[in-house]
PDB file of N, CA and C in Angstrom:
ATOM      1  N   MET A   1     -65.500  70.971  57.428  1.00  0.00           N
ATOM      2  CA  MET A   1     -65.605  70.074  56.152  1.00  0.00           C
ATOM      3  C   MET A   1     -65.314  71.045  55.059  1.00  0.00           C
ATOM      4  N   ASN A   2     -64.588  70.451  53.992  1.00  0.00           N
ATOM      5  CA  ASN A   2     -64.321  71.167  52.840  1.00  0.00           C
ATOM      6  C   ASN A   2     -65.530  71.147  51.917  1.00  0.00           C
ATOM      7  N   SER A   3     -65.846  72.101  51.231  1.00  0.00           N
ATOM      8  CA  SER A   3     -66.782  72.066  50.255  1.00  0.00           C
ATOM      9  C   SER A   3     -66.261  71.819  48.889  1.00  0.00           C
ATOM     10  N   ASN A   4     -66.985  71.233  47.862  1.00  0.00           N
ATOM     11  CA  ASN A   4     -66.346  70.896  46.623  1.00  0.00           C
ATOM     12  C   ASN A   4     -66.313  72.200  45.832  1.00  0.00           C
ATOM     13  N   GLU A   5     -65.836  72.176  44.597  1.00  0.00           N
ATOM     14  CA  GLU A   5     -65.617  73.303  43.791  1.00  0.00           C
ATOM     15  C   GLU A   5     -66.845  74.147  43.544  1.00  0.00           C
ATOM     16  N   PHE A   6     -68.124  73.481  43.636  1.00  0.00           N
ATOM     17  CA  PHE A   6     -69.282  74.326  43.424  1.00  0.00           C
ATOM     18  C   PHE A   6     -70.021  74.929  44.588  1.00  0.00           C
ATOM     19  N   GLY A   7     -69.320  74.740  45.798  1.00  0.00           N
ATOM     20  CA  GLY A   7     -69.846  75.282  46.964  1.00  0.00           C
ATOM     21  C   GLY A   7     -71.072  74.435  47.496  1.00  0.00           C
ATOM     22  N   ALA A   8     -71.307  73.445  47.025  1.00  0.00           N
ATOM     23  CA  ALA A   8     -72.422  72.528  47.551  1.00  0.00           C
ATOM     24  C   ALA A   8     -72.041  71.681  48.680  1.00  0.00           C
ATOM     25  N   THR A   9     -72.938  71.084  49.365  1.00  0.00           N
ATOM     26  CA  THR A   9     -72.826  70.312  50.580  1.00  0.00           C
ATOM     27  C   THR A   9     -71.742  69.186  50.262  1.00  0.00           C
ATOM     28  N   PRO A  10     -70.763  68.829  51.040  1.00  0.00           N
ATOM     29  CA  PRO A  10     -69.919  67.740  50.892  1.00  0.00           C
ATOM     30  C   PRO A  10     -70.631  66.508  50.557  1.00  0.00           C
ATOM     31  N   SER A  11     -70.130  65.793  49.635  1.00  0.00           N
ATOM     32  CA  SER A  11     -70.644  64.271  49.640  1.00  0.00           C
ATOM     33  C   SER A  11     -69.865  63.328  50.374  1.00  0.00           C
ATOM     34  N   VAL A  12     -70.293  62.172  50.273  1.00  0.00           N
ATOM     35  CA  VAL A  12     -69.693  61.006  51.037  1.00  0.00           C
ATOM     36  C   VAL A  12     -68.172  60.835  50.468  1.00  0.00           C
ATOM     37  N   ALA A  13     -68.030  61.045  49.193  1.00  0.00           N
ATOM     38  CA  ALA A  13     -66.675  61.010  48.627  1.00  0.00           C
ATOM     39  C   ALA A  13     -65.738  62.116  49.151  1.00  0.00           C
ATOM     40  N   ASP A  14     -66.407  63.322  49.305  1.00  0.00           N
ATOM     41  CA  ASP A  14     -65.507  64.440  49.918  1.00  0.00           C
ATOM     42  C   ASP A  14     -65.219  64.159  51.471  1.00  0.00           C
ATOM     43  N   GLU A  15     -66.126  63.629  52.125  1.00  0.00           N
ATOM     44  CA  GLU A  15     -65.839  63.286  53.534  1.00  0.00           C
ATOM     45  C   GLU A  15     -64.865  62.146  53.716  1.00  0.00           C
ATOM     46  N   SER A  16     -64.855  61.243  52.782  1.00  0.00           N
ATOM     47  CA  SER A  16     -63.969  59.980  52.952  1.00  0.00           C
ATOM     48  C   SER A  16     -62.510  60.412  52.569  1.00  0.00           C
ATOM     49  N   SER A  17     -62.536  61.423  51.828  1.00  0.00           N
ATOM     50  CA  SER A  17     -60.993  61.971  51.543  1.00  0.00           C
ATOM     51  C   SER A  17     -60.270  62.726  52.738  1.00  0.00           C
ATOM     52  N   MET A  18     -61.146  63.063  53.784  1.00  0.00           N
ATOM     53  CA  MET A  18     -60.705  63.576  55.001  1.00  0.00           C
ATOM     54  C   MET A  18     -60.576  62.644  56.125  1.00  0.00           C
ATOM     55  N   VAL A  19     -60.160  63.279  57.292  1.00  0.00           N
ATOM     56  CA  VAL A  19     -60.373  62.273  58.405  1.00  0.00           C
ATOM     57  C   VAL A  19     -61.711  62.219  58.713  1.00  0.00           C
ATOM     58  N   VAL A  20     -62.324  61.093  58.684  1.00  0.00           N
ATOM     59  CA  VAL A  20     -63.781  60.981  58.690  1.00  0.00           C
ATOM     60  C   VAL A  20     -64.251  60.162  59.978  1.00  0.00           C
ATOM     61  N   ASP A  21     -65.296  60.474  60.489  1.00  0.00           N
ATOM     62  CA  ASP A  21     -66.046  59.676  61.473  1.00  0.00           C
ATOM     63  C   ASP A  21     -66.716  58.383  60.756  1.00  0.00           C
ATOM     64  N   ASP A  22     -66.117  57.294  60.976  1.00  0.00           N
ATOM     65  CA  ASP A  22     -66.620  56.133  60.206  1.00  0.00           C
ATOM     66  C   ASP A  22     -68.203  55.902  60.437  1.00  0.00           C
ATOM     67  N   GLU A  23     -68.646  56.029  61.553  1.00  0.00           N
ATOM     68  CA  GLU A  23     -70.125  55.989  61.813  1.00  0.00           C
ATOM     69  C   GLU A  23     -71.009  56.756  60.927  1.00  0.00           C
ATOM     70  N   GLU A  24     -70.509  58.061  60.798  1.00  0.00           N
ATOM     71  CA  GLU A  24     -71.298  58.992  59.879  1.00  0.00           C
ATOM     72  C   GLU A  24     -71.268  58.527  58.476  1.00  0.00           C
ATOM     73  N   VAL A  25     -70.106  58.161  57.919  1.00  0.00           N
ATOM     74  CA  VAL A  25     -69.950  57.648  56.571  1.00  0.00           C
ATOM     75  C   VAL A  25     -70.810  56.229  56.220  1.00  0.00           C
ATOM     76  N   ILE A  26     -70.734  55.486  57.247  1.00  0.00           N
ATOM     77  CA  ILE A  26     -71.456  54.257  57.131  1.00  0.00           C
ATOM     78  C   ILE A  26     -72.951  54.527  57.131  1.00  0.00           C
ATOM     79  N   SER A  27     -73.390  55.368  57.960  1.00  0.00           N
ATOM     80  CA  SER A  27     -74.900  55.634  58.096  1.00  0.00           C
ATOM     81  C   SER A  27     -75.268  56.240  56.718  1.00  0.00           C
ATOM     82  N   LYS A  28     -74.545  56.879  56.137  1.00  0.00           N
ATOM     83  CA  LYS A  28     -74.996  57.431  54.790  1.00  0.00           C
ATOM     84  C   LYS A  28     -75.002  56.548  53.764  1.00  0.00           C
ATOM     85  N   THR A  29     -73.953  55.600  53.667  1.00  0.00           N
ATOM     86  CA  THR A  29     -73.863  54.646  52.697  1.00  0.00           C
ATOM     87  C   THR A  29     -74.693  53.360  52.865  1.00  0.00           C
ATOM     88  N   LEU A  30     -74.977  53.037  54.149  1.00  0.00           N
ATOM     89  CA  LEU A  30     -75.677  51.899  54.434  1.00  0.00           C
ATOM     90  C   LEU A  30     -76.903  52.135  55.331  1.00  0.00           C
ATOM     91  N   PRO A  31     -78.013  52.775  54.841  1.00  0.00           N
ATOM     92  CA  PRO A  31     -79.046  53.217  55.692  1.00  0.00           C
ATOM     93  C   PRO A  31     -79.799  52.001  56.031  1.00  0.00           C
ATOM     94  N   SER A  32     -80.419  52.012  57.437  1.00  0.00           N
ATOM     95  CA  SER A  32     -81.078  50.830  57.772  1.00  0.00           C
ATOM     96  C   SER A  32     -82.457  51.169  57.865  1.00  0.00           C
ATOM     97  N   ALA A  33     -83.247  50.302  57.357  1.00  0.00           N
ATOM     98  CA  ALA A  33     -84.764  50.566  57.233  1.00  0.00           C
ATOM     99  C   ALA A  33     -85.438  49.887  58.382  1.00  0.00           C
ATOM    100  N   GLN A  34     -86.436  50.390  59.016  1.00  0.00           N
ATOM    101  CA  GLN A  34     -87.087  49.924  60.145  1.00  0.00           C
ATOM    102  C   GLN A  34     -88.559  49.509  59.735  1.00  0.00           C
ATOM    103  N   MET A  35     -88.617  48.491  58.757  1.00  0.00           N
ATOM    104  CA  MET A  35     -89.788  48.041  58.334  1.00  0.00           C
ATOM    105  C   MET A  35     -90.169  46.769  59.223  1.00  0.00           C
ATOM    106  N   PRO A  36     -91.327  46.417  59.701  1.00  0.00           N
ATOM    107  CA  PRO A  36     -91.790  45.221  60.346  1.00  0.00           C
ATOM    108  C   PRO A  36     -91.504  43.935  59.510  1.00  0.00           C
ATOM    109  N   LEU A  37     -91.170  42.907  60.079  1.00  0.00           N
ATOM    110  CA  LEU A  37     -90.979  41.605  59.464  1.00  0.00           C
ATOM    111  C   LEU A  37     -92.157  40.832  59.540  1.00  0.00           C
ATOM    112  N   SER A  38     -92.951  40.632  58.350  1.00  0.00           N
ATOM    113  CA  SER A  38     -94.339  40.008  58.265  1.00  0.00           C
ATOM    114  C   SER A  38     -93.996  38.602  57.967  1.00  0.00           C
ATOM    115  N   ALA A  39     -94.855  37.703  58.622  1.00  0.00           N
ATOM    116  CA  ALA A  39     -94.819  36.278  58.323  1.00  0.00           C
ATOM    117  C   ALA A  39     -95.090  35.874  57.099  1.00  0.00           C
ATOM    118  N   GLY A  40     -95.842  36.641  56.336  1.00  0.00           N
ATOM    119  CA  GLY A  40     -96.214  36.209  54.937  1.00  0.00           C
ATOM    120  C   GLY A  40     -95.373  36.930  53.867  1.00  0.00           C
ATOM    121  N   GLY A  41     -94.220  37.495  54.190  1.00  0.00           N
ATOM    122  CA  GLY A  41     -93.333  38.186  53.424  1.00  0.00           C
ATOM    123  C   GLY A  41     -92.456  37.230  52.606  1.00  0.00           C
ATOM    124  N   ARG A  42     -92.111  37.650  51.408  1.00  0.00           N
ATOM    125  CA  ARG A  42     -91.032  36.748  50.649  1.00  0.00           C
ATOM    126  C   ARG A  42     -89.813  36.726  51.194  1.00  0.00           C
ATOM    127  N   LEU A  43     -89.123  35.704  50.959  1.00  0.00           N
ATOM    128  CA  LEU A  43     -87.753  35.245  51.677  1.00  0.00           C
ATOM    129  C   LEU A  43     -86.863  36.455  51.332  1.00  0.00           C
ATOM    130  N   ASP A  44     -86.713  36.895  50.174  1.00  0.00           N
ATOM    131  CA  ASP A  44     -85.800  38.058  49.791  1.00  0.00           C
ATOM    132  C   ASP A  44     -85.928  39.293  50.654  1.00  0.00           C
ATOM    133  N   GLU A  45     -87.338  39.532  50.893  1.00  0.00           N
ATOM    134  CA  GLU A  45     -87.702  40.724  51.648  1.00  0.00           C
ATOM    135  C   GLU A  45     -87.304  40.568  53.171  1.00  0.00           C
ATOM    136  N   GLN A  46     -87.486  39.307  53.588  1.00  0.00           N
ATOM    137  CA  GLN A  46     -87.023  39.002  55.011  1.00  0.00           C
ATOM    138  C   GLN A  46     -85.682  39.069  55.121  1.00  0.00           C
ATOM    139  N   VAL A  47     -84.901  38.544  54.163  1.00  0.00           N
ATOM    140  CA  VAL A  47     -83.368  38.726  54.188  1.00  0.00           C
ATOM    141  C   VAL A  47     -82.963  40.202  54.161  1.00  0.00           C
ATOM    142  N   ASP A  48     -83.571  40.937  53.353  1.00  0.00           N
ATOM    143  CA  ASP A  48     -83.215  42.327  53.154  1.00  0.00           C
ATOM    144  C   ASP A  48     -83.388  42.998  54.662  1.00  0.00           C
ATOM    145  N   HIS A  49     -84.508  42.794  55.235  1.00  0.00           N
ATOM    146  CA  HIS A  49     -85.003  43.233  56.581  1.00  0.00           C
ATOM    147  C   HIS A  49     -83.924  43.029  57.572  1.00  0.00           C
ATOM    148  N   VAL A  50     -83.441  41.649  57.594  1.00  0.00           N
ATOM    149  CA  VAL A  50     -82.422  41.184  58.612  1.00  0.00           C
ATOM    150  C   VAL A  50     -81.234  41.890  58.455  1.00  0.00           C
ATOM    151  N   LEU A  51     -80.737  41.927  57.189  1.00  0.00           N
ATOM    152  CA  LEU A  51     -79.471  42.591  56.824  1.00  0.00           C
ATOM    153  C   LEU A  51     -79.543  43.964  57.192  1.00  0.00           C
ATOM    154  N   ASN A  52     -80.650  44.702  57.055  1.00  0.00           N
ATOM    155  CA  ASN A  52     -80.806  46.142  57.492  1.00  0.00           C
ATOM    156  C   ASN A  52     -80.750  46.316  58.940  1.00  0.00           C
ATOM    157  N   LEU A  53     -81.291  45.301  59.603  1.00  0.00           N
ATOM    158  CA  LEU A  53     -81.291  45.379  61.129  1.00  0.00           C
ATOM    159  C   LEU A  53     -79.704  45.190  61.654  1.00  0.00           C
ATOM    160  N   ILE A  54     -79.032  44.303  60.892  1.00  0.00           N
ATOM    161  CA  ILE A  54     -77.624  43.911  61.325  1.00  0.00           C
ATOM    162  C   ILE A  54     -76.767  45.180  60.985  1.00  0.00           C
ATOM    163  N   ARG A  55     -77.027  45.824  59.816  1.00  0.00           N
ATOM    164  CA  ARG A  55     -76.137  47.074  59.467  1.00  0.00           C
ATOM    165  C   ARG A  55     -76.441  48.097  60.385  1.00  0.00           C
ATOM    166  N   GLY A  56     -77.730  48.340  60.959  1.00  0.00           N
ATOM    167  CA  GLY A  56     -77.986  49.327  62.024  1.00  0.00           C
ATOM    168  C   GLY A  56     -77.393  49.046  63.198  1.00  0.00           C
ATOM    169  N   SER A  57     -77.344  47.641  63.575  1.00  0.00           N
ATOM    170  CA  SER A  57     -76.729  47.427  64.859  1.00  0.00           C
ATOM    171  C   SER A  57     -75.244  47.690  64.745  1.00  0.00           C
ATOM    172  N   VAL A  58     -74.536  47.387  63.563  1.00  0.00           N
ATOM    173  CA  VAL A  58     -73.180  47.590  63.534  1.00  0.00           C
ATOM    174  C   VAL A  58     -72.815  49.056  63.481  1.00  0.00           C
ATOM    175  N   ILE A  59     -73.701  49.869  62.953  1.00  0.00           N
ATOM    176  CA  ILE A  59     -73.531  51.472  62.850  1.00  0.00           C
ATOM    177  C   ILE A  59     -73.597  52.000  64.253  1.00  0.00           C
ATOM    178  N   ARG A  60     -74.636  51.433  65.083  1.00  0.00           N
ATOM    179  CA  ARG A  60     -74.858  52.039  66.430  1.00  0.00           C
ATOM    180  C   ARG A  60     -73.763  51.552  67.459  1.00  0.00           C
ATOM    181  N   GLN A  61     -73.310  50.280  67.232  1.00  0.00           N
ATOM    182  CA  GLN A  61     -72.322  49.672  68.296  1.00  0.00           C
ATOM    183  C   GLN A  61     -71.293  48.946  67.454  1.00  0.00           C
ATOM    184  N   PRO A  62     -70.393  49.628  66.819  1.00  0.00           N
ATOM    185  CA  PRO A  62     -69.320  49.023  66.084  1.00  0.00           C
ATOM    186  C   PRO A  62     -68.382  48.190  66.943  1.00  0.00           C
ATOM    187  N   ILE A  63     -68.042  48.487  68.132  1.00  0.00           N
ATOM    188  CA  ILE A  63     -67.160  47.904  69.070  1.00  0.00           C
ATOM    189  C   ILE A  63     -67.782  46.509  69.376  1.00  0.00           C
ATOM    190  N   ARG A  64     -69.066  46.459  69.762  1.00  0.00           N
ATOM    191  CA  ARG A  64     -69.727  45.384  70.120  1.00  0.00           C
ATOM    192  C   ARG A  64     -69.769  44.391  68.820  1.00  0.00           C
ATOM    193  N   ALA A  65     -69.982  44.822  67.695  1.00  0.00           N
ATOM    194  CA  ALA A  65     -70.020  44.049  66.539  1.00  0.00           C
ATOM    195  C   ALA A  65     -68.734  43.305  66.135  1.00  0.00           C
ATOM    196  N   VAL A  66     -67.552  44.044  66.434  1.00  0.00           N
ATOM    197  CA  VAL A  66     -66.311  43.448  66.304  1.00  0.00           C
ATOM    198  C   VAL A  66     -66.088  42.274  67.305  1.00  0.00           C
ATOM    199  N   LEU A  67     -66.477  42.574  68.611  1.00  0.00           N
ATOM    200  CA  LEU A  67     -66.305  41.665  69.627  1.00  0.00           C
ATOM    201  C   LEU A  67     -67.176  40.264  69.384  1.00  0.00           C
ATOM    202  N   VAL A  68     -68.325  40.520  68.874  1.00  0.00           N
ATOM    203  CA  VAL A  68     -69.194  39.266  68.490  1.00  0.00           C
ATOM    204  C   VAL A  68     -68.589  38.505  67.328  1.00  0.00           C
ATOM    205  N   ALA A  69     -68.154  39.326  66.402  1.00  0.00           N
ATOM    206  CA  ALA A  69     -67.553  38.556  65.235  1.00  0.00           C
ATOM    207  C   ALA A  69     -66.151  37.907  65.593  1.00  0.00           C
ATOM    208  N   ALA A  70     -65.345  38.557  66.700  1.00  0.00           N
ATOM    209  CA  ALA A  70     -64.055  37.835  67.178  1.00  0.00           C
ATOM    210  C   ALA A  70     -64.546  36.566  67.912  1.00  0.00           C
ATOM    211  N   ALA A  71     -65.572  36.670  68.629  1.00  0.00           N
ATOM    212  CA  ALA A  71     -65.955  35.643  69.379  1.00  0.00           C
ATOM    213  C   ALA A  71     -66.596  34.409  68.453  1.00  0.00           C
ATOM    214  N   GLY A  72     -67.244  34.838  67.488  1.00  0.00           N
ATOM    215  CA  GLY A  72     -67.717  33.751  66.694  1.00  0.00           C
ATOM    216  C   GLY A  72     -66.631  33.044  65.795  1.00  0.00           C
ATOM    217  N   GLY A  73     -65.565  33.850  65.448  1.00  0.00           N
ATOM    218  CA  GLY A  73     -64.483  33.289  64.825  1.00  0.00           C
ATOM    219  C   GLY A  73     -63.691  32.412  65.603  1.00  0.00           C
ATOM    220  N   ALA A  74     -63.554  32.678  66.981  1.00  0.00           N
ATOM    221  CA  ALA A  74     -62.869  31.849  67.970  1.00  0.00           C
ATOM    222  C   ALA A  74     -63.586  30.484  68.015  1.00  0.00           C
ATOM    223  N   ALA A  75     -64.934  30.679  68.238  1.00  0.00           N
ATOM    224  CA  ALA A  75     -65.624  29.399  68.460  1.00  0.00           C
ATOM    225  C   ALA A  75     -65.627  28.564  67.165  1.00  0.00           C
ATOM    226  N   LEU A  76     -65.608  29.070  66.061  1.00  0.00           N
ATOM    227  CA  LEU A  76     -65.530  28.134  64.759  1.00  0.00           C
ATOM    228  C   LEU A  76     -64.157  27.592  64.669  1.00  0.00           C
ATOM    229  N   THR A  77     -63.147  28.441  65.044  1.00  0.00           N
ATOM    230  CA  THR A  77     -61.785  27.841  65.000  1.00  0.00           C
ATOM    231  C   THR A  77     -61.548  26.677  66.165  1.00  0.00           C
ATOM    232  N   ALA A  78     -62.192  26.869  67.109  1.00  0.00           N
ATOM    233  CA  ALA A  78     -62.119  25.689  68.167  1.00  0.00           C
ATOM    234  C   ALA A  78     -62.792  24.598  67.749  1.00  0.00           C
ATOM    235  N   LEU A  79     -64.043  24.726  66.979  1.00  0.00           N
ATOM    236  CA  LEU A  79     -64.674  23.503  66.571  1.00  0.00           C
ATOM    237  C   LEU A  79     -64.017  22.752  65.499  1.00  0.00           C
ATOM    238  N   LEU A  80     -63.513  23.580  64.682  1.00  0.00           N
ATOM    239  CA  LEU A  80     -62.696  23.093  63.460  1.00  0.00           C
ATOM    240  C   LEU A  80     -61.460  22.374  64.120  1.00  0.00           C
ATOM    241  N   GLY A  81     -60.813  22.934  65.073  1.00  0.00           N
ATOM    242  CA  GLY A  81     -59.619  22.275  65.498  1.00  0.00           C
ATOM    243  C   GLY A  81     -59.825  20.983  66.346  1.00  0.00           C
ATOM    244  N   ALA A  82     -61.045  20.859  66.895  1.00  0.00           N
ATOM    245  CA  ALA A  82     -61.438  19.640  67.661  1.00  0.00           C
ATOM    246  C   ALA A  82     -61.943  18.596  66.486  1.00  0.00           C
ATOM    247  N   TRP A  83     -62.499  19.063  65.596  1.00  0.00           N
ATOM    248  CA  TRP A  83     -62.969  18.012  64.424  1.00  0.00           C
ATOM    249  C   TRP A  83     -61.692  17.514  63.816  1.00  0.00           C
ATOM    250  N   ILE A  84     -60.663  18.398  63.499  1.00  0.00           N
ATOM    251  CA  ILE A  84     -59.440  17.897  62.815  1.00  0.00           C
ATOM    252  C   ILE A  84     -58.622  16.898  63.717  1.00  0.00           C
ATOM    253  N   HIS A  85     -58.634  17.308  65.064  1.00  0.00           N
ATOM    254  CA  HIS A  85     -58.002  16.441  66.036  1.00  0.00           C
ATOM    255  C   HIS A  85     -58.483  15.107  66.124  1.00  0.00           C
ATOM    256  N   ARG A  86     -59.973  15.018  66.160  1.00  0.00           N
ATOM    257  CA  ARG A  86     -60.674  13.823  66.277  1.00  0.00           C
ATOM    258  C   ARG A  86     -60.420  12.935  64.944  1.00  0.00           C
ATOM    259  N   GLU A  87     -60.372  13.620  63.811  1.00  0.00           N
ATOM    260  CA  GLU A  87     -60.249  12.839  62.604  1.00  0.00           C
ATOM    261  C   GLU A  87     -58.853  12.260  62.570  1.00  0.00           C
ATOM    262  N   ASN A  88     -57.773  12.924  63.076  1.00  0.00           N
ATOM    263  CA  ASN A  88     -56.546  12.379  62.987  1.00  0.00           C
ATOM    264  C   ASN A  88     -56.092  11.268  63.958  1.00  0.00           C
ATOM    265  N   ASN A  89     -57.037  11.226  65.006  1.00  0.00           N
ATOM    266  CA  ASN A  89     -56.904  10.141  66.100  1.00  0.00           C
ATOM    267  C   ASN A  89     -57.790   8.972  65.857  1.00  0.00           C
TER     268      ASN A  89
END
């Protein structure tokens, strides 16, 4: 890794200008929190918790995340196509 002009530890920007391991950069920019989901928590806290869990899953298993997203897109496309076909007949 190249250090910046002051000899400090490289930042995310320094790393992104080089050939970078995506998982390393994502883990630095999107940290995942491991807080328990309480039943009495506010909705925005619960949403933040779920988003952090999803980010963590994408960081740990990026290929699986892409496959899940592709499968979801294919399922939605099939449903939309069936709905349009039914409307036209």
